[in-house]
């Protein structure tokens, strides 16, 4: 309802290694990629608000 995108742990985070620096970099890279898509999420929210 608030239009805040979320990541499901079981689908996205658990499939990546989270140990050591390379694991952390993998997870942070995925999160950064999602944050970069903020405009897309805003357009999706607007679409459903006007539908």
C-alpha atoms as a PDB file:
ATOM      1  CA  UNK A   1       0.000   0.000   0.000  1.00  0.00           C
ATOM      2  CA  UNK A   2       2.869   2.376   0.682  1.00  0.00           C
ATOM      3  CA  UNK A   3       4.689   1.475  -2.514  1.00  0.00           C
ATOM      4  CA  UNK A   4       7.875   0.421  -0.747  1.00  0.00           C
ATOM      5  CA  UNK A   5       9.614  -2.400  -2.621  1.00  0.00           C
ATOM      6  CA  UNK A   6      10.761  -5.342  -0.540  1.00  0.00           C
ATOM      7  CA  UNK A   7      13.147  -8.245  -0.984  1.00  0.00           C
ATOM      8  CA  UNK A   8      12.041 -11.685   0.087  1.00  0.00           C
ATOM      9  CA  UNK A   9      14.865 -13.353   1.975  1.00  0.00           C
ATOM     10  CA  UNK A  10      14.013 -16.860   0.809  1.00  0.00           C
ATOM     11  CA  UNK A  11      14.077 -15.939  -2.880  1.00  0.00           C
ATOM     12  CA  UNK A  12      16.893 -13.450  -3.259  1.00  0.00           C
ATOM     13  CA  UNK A  13      19.203 -13.226  -0.289  1.00  0.00           C
ATOM     14  CA  UNK A  14      19.384 -16.897   0.681  1.00  0.00           C
ATOM     15  CA  UNK A  15      20.509 -17.896  -2.818  1.00  0.00           C
ATOM     16  CA  UNK A  16      23.672 -15.780  -2.518  1.00  0.00           C
ATOM     17  CA  UNK A  17      26.718 -16.568  -0.444  1.00  0.00           C
ATOM     18  CA  UNK A  18      26.905 -14.123   2.464  1.00  0.00           C
ATOM     19  CA  UNK A  19      30.259 -15.143   3.907  1.00  0.00           C
ATOM     20  CA  UNK A  20      33.340 -12.962   3.725  1.00  0.00           C
ATOM     21  CA  UNK A  21      33.798  -9.835   1.625  1.00  0.00           C
ATOM     22  CA  UNK A  22      32.753 -11.351  -1.701  1.00  0.00           C
ATOM     23  CA  UNK A  23      29.444 -12.512  -0.243  1.00  0.00           C
ATOM     24  CA  UNK A  24      28.742  -9.122   1.275  1.00  0.00           C
ATOM     25  CA  UNK A  25      29.652  -7.438  -2.006  1.00  0.00           C
ATOM     26  CA  UNK A  26      27.209  -9.696  -3.852  1.00  0.00           C
ATOM     27  CA  UNK A  27      24.326  -8.811  -1.542  1.00  0.00           C
ATOM     28  CA  UNK A  28      25.182  -5.102  -1.496  1.00  0.00           C
ATOM     29  CA  UNK A  29      25.423  -5.082  -5.292  1.00  0.00           C
ATOM     30  CA  UNK A  30      21.964  -6.589  -5.561  1.00  0.00           C
ATOM     31  CA  UNK A  31      20.526  -4.023  -3.135  1.00  0.00           C
ATOM     32  CA  UNK A  32      22.240  -1.159  -4.977  1.00  0.00           C
ATOM     33  CA  UNK A  33      20.717  -2.406  -8.229  1.00  0.00           C
ATOM     34  CA  UNK A  34      17.260  -2.366  -6.698  1.00  0.00           C
ATOM     35  CA  UNK A  35      17.741   1.142  -5.308  1.00  0.00           C
ATOM     36  CA  UNK A  36      18.770   2.359  -8.772  1.00  0.00           C
ATOM     37  CA  UNK A  37      15.360   1.232 -10.063  1.00  0.00           C
ATOM     38  CA  UNK A  38      13.487   3.627  -7.777  1.00  0.00           C
ATOM     39  CA  UNK A  39      11.927   5.434 -10.743  1.00  0.00           C
ATOM     40  CA  UNK A  40      10.453   2.177 -12.051  1.00  0.00           C
ATOM     41  CA  UNK A  41       8.871   1.433  -8.681  1.00  0.00           C
ATOM     42  CA  UNK A  42       7.434   4.957  -8.550  1.00  0.00           C
ATOM     43  CA  UNK A  43       5.822   4.497 -11.965  1.00  0.00           C
ATOM     44  CA  UNK A  44       4.380   1.142 -10.922  1.00  0.00           C
ATOM     45  CA  UNK A  45       2.887   2.703  -7.787  1.00  0.00           C
ATOM     46  CA  UNK A  46       1.358   5.547  -9.811  1.00  0.00           C
ATOM     47  CA  UNK A  47      -0.140   3.052 -12.252  1.00  0.00           C
ATOM     48  CA  UNK A  48      -1.920   1.109  -9.524  1.00  0.00           C
ATOM     49  CA  UNK A  49      -3.098   4.255  -7.765  1.00  0.00           C
ATOM     50  CA  UNK A  50      -4.831   5.488 -10.910  1.00  0.00           C
ATOM     51  CA  UNK A  51      -6.186   2.101 -12.019  1.00  0.00           C
END
